[in-house]
Amino acid sequence: MTNQLQKVHHVAIAILYRDNKFLMQLRDNIPTIPYPGYWAFFGGHIEAGETPEVAVRREIIEEISYTLPEKIFEFGRYDSETAVRHVFHAPLEVEFDKLVLGEGWDMGLVTAEEIRSGKRYSQAAGEERPLGDVHQKILLDFMNRS
């Protein structure tokens, strides 16, 4: 009998906001990745020896060529059966068009209305795509605490 225990991944993700909107990534539509074709946060796996803050800073540079501000803030930790999400937040201090998408299908500044509806149109996909359920929950929590 084989043990089917699933490995829990630790990830660091960022809520980046500008002009009352939130930066999100439309994940690649690859069935083997978590949340394929869903809107989600930028960020990723915490590597061995990294703190969550170091990981989120590295991931944001890799994914959108953006250096987070010196001061970023912890928002919380969201645990599931497959992931422990360390969530940070900070203002996006550059214009949207200065970001370079290095990972994902699309990116955009998502409105509170789109967050509540759970979907957003993607120019790259040519259709509305859903927000990841955990990502929507985190943003709703964030908007309710702000």
C-alpha atoms as a PDB file:
ATOM      1  CA  MET A   1       0.000   0.000   0.000  1.00  0.00           C
ATOM      2  CA  THR A   2       1.468   3.352  -1.038  1.00  0.00           C
ATOM      3  CA  ASN A   3       1.257   6.448   1.076  1.00  0.00           C
ATOM      4  CA  GLN A   4      -0.631   9.171  -0.795  1.00  0.00           C
ATOM      5  CA  LEU A   5       0.396  12.046   1.484  1.00  0.00           C
ATOM      6  CA  GLN A   6       0.497  15.295  -0.406  1.00  0.00           C
ATOM      7  CA  LYS A   7       3.437  17.611   0.225  1.00  0.00           C
ATOM      8  CA  VAL A   8       2.487  20.986   1.669  1.00  0.00           C
ATOM      9  CA  HIS A   9       4.256  23.839  -0.142  1.00  0.00           C
ATOM     10  CA  HIS A  10       5.160  27.100   1.548  1.00  0.00           C
ATOM     11  CA  VAL A  11       4.630  30.091  -0.713  1.00  0.00           C
ATOM     12  CA  ALA A  12       5.001  33.841  -0.305  1.00  0.00           C
ATOM     13  CA  ILE A  13       2.565  36.050  -2.199  1.00  0.00           C
ATOM     14  CA  ALA A  14       1.970  39.790  -2.465  1.00  0.00           C
ATOM     15  CA  ILE A  15      -1.119  41.952  -2.483  1.00  0.00           C
ATOM     16  CA  LEU A  16       0.050  44.945  -4.525  1.00  0.00           C
ATOM     17  CA  TYR A  17      -2.349  47.869  -4.800  1.00  0.00           C
ATOM     18  CA  ARG A  18      -2.564  51.124  -6.717  1.00  0.00           C
ATOM     19  CA  ASP A  19      -5.466  53.542  -7.259  1.00  0.00           C
ATOM     20  CA  ASN A  20      -7.910  51.304  -5.323  1.00  0.00           C
ATOM     21  CA  LYS A  21      -7.096  48.341  -7.584  1.00  0.00           C
ATOM     22  CA  PHE A  22      -5.101  45.174  -6.958  1.00  0.00           C
ATOM     23  CA  LEU A  23      -2.417  43.708  -9.216  1.00  0.00           C
ATOM     24  CA  MET A  24      -3.122  40.119 -10.199  1.00  0.00           C
ATOM     25  CA  GLN A  25      -1.636  37.582 -12.568  1.00  0.00           C
ATOM     26  CA  LEU A  26      -3.645  35.385 -14.910  1.00  0.00           C
ATOM     27  CA  ARG A  27      -1.868  32.079 -14.454  1.00  0.00           C
ATOM     28  CA  ASP A  28      -0.839  30.064 -17.466  1.00  0.00           C
ATOM     29  CA  ASN A  29      -3.568  27.711 -18.643  1.00  0.00           C
ATOM     30  CA  ILE A  30      -1.502  24.571 -18.017  1.00  0.00           C
ATOM     31  CA  PRO A  31      -3.528  21.793 -16.353  1.00  0.00           C
ATOM     32  CA  THR A  32      -0.583  20.518 -14.273  1.00  0.00           C
ATOM     33  CA  ILE A  33      -0.095  23.761 -12.281  1.00  0.00           C
ATOM     34  CA  PRO A  34      -2.229  25.026  -9.391  1.00  0.00           C
ATOM     35  CA  TYR A  35      -5.045  27.354 -10.507  1.00  0.00           C
ATOM     36  CA  PRO A  36      -4.486  27.062 -14.282  1.00  0.00           C
ATOM     37  CA  GLY A  37      -6.114  29.957 -16.134  1.00  0.00           C
ATOM     38  CA  TYR A  38      -7.198  31.675 -12.915  1.00  0.00           C
ATOM     39  CA  TRP A  39      -6.418  35.158 -11.645  1.00  0.00           C
ATOM     40  CA  ALA A  40      -4.045  34.892  -8.669  1.00  0.00           C
ATOM     41  CA  PHE A  41      -1.346  36.813  -6.814  1.00  0.00           C
ATOM     42  CA  PHE A  42       2.235  37.205  -7.853  1.00  0.00           C
ATOM     43  CA  GLY A  43       4.670  35.261  -5.686  1.00  0.00           C
ATOM     44  CA  GLY A  44       5.800  31.694  -5.355  1.00  0.00           C
ATOM     45  CA  HIS A  45       7.620  28.951  -3.526  1.00  0.00           C
ATOM     46  CA  ILE A  46       9.858  29.704  -0.583  1.00  0.00           C
ATOM     47  CA  GLU A  47      13.250  28.151  -1.263  1.00  0.00           C
ATOM     48  CA  ALA A  48      15.375  26.376   1.343  1.00  0.00           C
ATOM     49  CA  GLY A  49      16.962  28.908   3.691  1.00  0.00           C
ATOM     50  CA  GLU A  50      14.707  31.791   2.615  1.00  0.00           C
ATOM     51  CA  THR A  51      12.375  33.710   4.862  1.00  0.00           C
ATOM     52  CA  PRO A  52       8.913  34.418   3.425  1.00  0.00           C
ATOM     53  CA  GLU A  53       9.845  38.104   2.985  1.00  0.00           C
ATOM     54  CA  VAL A  54      13.036  37.292   1.065  1.00  0.00           C
ATOM     55  CA  ALA A  55      11.059  34.847  -1.091  1.00  0.00           C
ATOM     56  CA  VAL A  56       8.297  37.306  -1.964  1.00  0.00           C
ATOM     57  CA  ARG A  57      10.861  39.980  -2.889  1.00  0.00           C
ATOM     58  CA  ARG A  58      12.722  37.510  -5.157  1.00  0.00           C
ATOM     59  CA  GLU A  59       9.539  36.197  -6.775  1.00  0.00           C
ATOM     60  CA  ILE A  60       8.166  39.666  -7.570  1.00  0.00           C
ATOM     61  CA  ILE A  61      11.420  40.650  -9.296  1.00  0.00           C
ATOM     62  CA  GLU A  62      11.393  37.381 -11.271  1.00  0.00           C
ATOM     63  CA  GLU A  63       7.728  37.623 -12.274  1.00  0.00           C
ATOM     64  CA  ILE A  64       7.219  41.326 -13.058  1.00  0.00           C
ATOM     65  CA  SER A  65      10.685  42.961 -12.814  1.00  0.00           C
ATOM     66  CA  TYR A  66       9.529  45.067  -9.874  1.00  0.00           C
ATOM     67  CA  THR A  67      11.494  45.730  -6.709  1.00  0.00           C
ATOM     68  CA  LEU A  68       9.140  45.894  -3.751  1.00  0.00           C
ATOM     69  CA  PRO A  69       9.336  49.004  -1.554  1.00  0.00           C
ATOM     70  CA  GLU A  70      11.744  48.873   1.385  1.00  0.00           C
ATOM     71  CA  LYS A  71       8.785  48.576   3.750  1.00  0.00           C
ATOM     72  CA  ILE A  72       6.323  45.776   3.076  1.00  0.00           C
ATOM     73  CA  PHE A  73       3.767  44.459   5.530  1.00  0.00           C
ATOM     74  CA  GLU A  74       2.686  40.998   6.610  1.00  0.00           C
ATOM     75  CA  PHE A  75      -1.026  40.489   6.118  1.00  0.00           C
ATOM     76  CA  GLY A  76      -1.505  36.944   7.321  1.00  0.00           C
ATOM     77  CA  ARG A  77      -1.069  33.271   6.729  1.00  0.00           C
ATOM     78  CA  TYR A  78      -3.574  31.081   4.908  1.00  0.00           C
ATOM     79  CA  ASP A  79      -3.150  27.322   5.300  1.00  0.00           C
ATOM     80  CA  SER A  80      -4.738  24.628   3.175  1.00  0.00           C
ATOM     81  CA  GLU A  81      -4.097  20.922   2.617  1.00  0.00           C
ATOM     82  CA  THR A  82      -1.600  21.710  -0.162  1.00  0.00           C
ATOM     83  CA  ALA A  83      -0.125  25.129   0.661  1.00  0.00           C
ATOM     84  CA  VAL A  84       0.825  27.515   3.418  1.00  0.00           C
ATOM     85  CA  ARG A  85       0.461  30.988   1.961  1.00  0.00           C
ATOM     86  CA  HIS A  86       2.450  33.782   3.613  1.00  0.00           C
ATOM     87  CA  VAL A  87       0.710  36.961   2.452  1.00  0.00           C
ATOM     88  CA  PHE A  88       2.353  40.381   2.292  1.00  0.00           C
ATOM     89  CA  HIS A  89       1.030  43.713   1.070  1.00  0.00           C
ATOM     90  CA  ALA A  90       2.556  46.900  -0.272  1.00  0.00           C
ATOM     91  CA  PRO A  91       1.660  49.749  -2.599  1.00  0.00           C
ATOM     92  CA  LEU A  92       2.621  49.377  -6.254  1.00  0.00           C
ATOM     93  CA  GLU A  93       4.854  52.429  -6.630  1.00  0.00           C
ATOM     94  CA  VAL A  94       5.331  52.383 -10.408  1.00  0.00           C
ATOM     95  CA  GLU A  95       2.913  52.846 -13.290  1.00  0.00           C
ATOM     96  CA  PHE A  96       1.348  49.604 -14.526  1.00  0.00           C
ATOM     97  CA  ASP A  97       3.018  49.937 -17.947  1.00  0.00           C
ATOM     98  CA  LYS A  98       6.475  49.833 -16.289  1.00  0.00           C
ATOM     99  CA  LEU A  99       5.905  46.218 -15.181  1.00  0.00           C
ATOM    100  CA  VAL A 100       7.267  43.410 -17.340  1.00  0.00           C
ATOM    101  CA  LEU A 101       5.278  40.174 -17.222  1.00  0.00           C
ATOM    102  CA  GLY A 102       7.844  37.391 -16.923  1.00  0.00           C
ATOM    103  CA  GLU A 103       5.506  34.624 -15.800  1.00  0.00           C
ATOM    104  CA  GLY A 104       1.846  33.996 -16.515  1.00  0.00           C
ATOM    105  CA  TRP A 105      -0.660  34.555 -19.300  1.00  0.00           C
ATOM    106  CA  ASP A 106      -1.730  38.110 -18.440  1.00  0.00           C
ATOM    107  CA  MET A 107      -1.760  40.645 -15.603  1.00  0.00           C
ATOM    108  CA  GLY A 108      -4.054  43.456 -14.622  1.00  0.00           C
ATOM    109  CA  LEU A 109      -5.238  45.846 -11.964  1.00  0.00           C
ATOM    110  CA  VAL A 110      -8.416  44.294 -10.587  1.00  0.00           C
ATOM    111  CA  THR A 111     -11.233  46.393  -9.135  1.00  0.00           C
ATOM    112  CA  ALA A 112     -13.124  45.697  -5.916  1.00  0.00           C
ATOM    113  CA  GLU A 113     -16.234  44.987  -8.015  1.00  0.00           C
ATOM    114  CA  GLU A 114     -14.367  42.344 -10.047  1.00  0.00           C
ATOM    115  CA  ILE A 115     -13.022  40.796  -6.836  1.00  0.00           C
ATOM    116  CA  ARG A 116     -16.523  40.537  -5.396  1.00  0.00           C
ATOM    117  CA  SER A 117     -17.849  39.032  -8.662  1.00  0.00           C
ATOM    118  CA  GLY A 118     -14.984  36.508  -8.747  1.00  0.00           C
ATOM    119  CA  LYS A 119     -14.062  37.128 -12.389  1.00  0.00           C
ATOM    120  CA  ARG A 120     -12.192  39.545 -14.630  1.00  0.00           C
ATOM    121  CA  TYR A 121     -11.817  39.964 -18.367  1.00  0.00           C
ATOM    122  CA  SER A 122      -8.387  39.172 -19.816  1.00  0.00           C
ATOM    123  CA  GLN A 123      -7.265  40.785 -23.053  1.00  0.00           C
ATOM    124  CA  ALA A 124      -4.727  37.980 -23.588  1.00  0.00           C
ATOM    125  CA  ALA A 125      -7.323  35.227 -23.045  1.00  0.00           C
ATOM    126  CA  GLY A 126     -10.063  37.123 -24.887  1.00  0.00           C
ATOM    127  CA  GLU A 127     -12.609  36.197 -22.207  1.00  0.00           C
ATOM    128  CA  GLU A 128     -13.548  36.542 -18.570  1.00  0.00           C
ATOM    129  CA  ARG A 129     -11.511  34.263 -16.333  1.00  0.00           C
ATOM    130  CA  PRO A 130     -12.234  33.337 -12.696  1.00  0.00           C
ATOM    131  CA  LEU A 131     -10.297  34.462  -9.649  1.00  0.00           C
ATOM    132  CA  GLY A 132      -8.774  31.635  -7.649  1.00  0.00           C
ATOM    133  CA  ASP A 133     -11.068  30.991  -4.688  1.00  0.00           C
ATOM    134  CA  VAL A 134      -8.363  31.423  -2.040  1.00  0.00           C
ATOM    135  CA  HIS A 135      -7.079  34.571  -3.790  1.00  0.00           C
ATOM    136  CA  GLN A 136     -10.564  36.051  -3.838  1.00  0.00           C
ATOM    137  CA  LYS A 137     -11.004  35.225  -0.127  1.00  0.00           C
ATOM    138  CA  ILE A 138      -7.673  36.853   0.775  1.00  0.00           C
ATOM    139  CA  LEU A 139      -8.566  40.022  -1.148  1.00  0.00           C
ATOM    140  CA  LEU A 140     -12.044  40.185   0.388  1.00  0.00           C
ATOM    141  CA  ASP A 141     -10.435  39.809   3.835  1.00  0.00           C
ATOM    142  CA  PHE A 142      -7.932  42.537   2.954  1.00  0.00           C
ATOM    143  CA  MET A 143     -10.617  44.941   1.703  1.00  0.00           C
ATOM    144  CA  ASN A 144     -12.698  44.317   4.835  1.00  0.00           C
ATOM    145  CA  ARG A 145      -9.751  45.098   7.136  1.00  0.00           C
ATOM    146  CA  SER A 146      -8.529  48.188   5.303  1.00  0.00           C
END
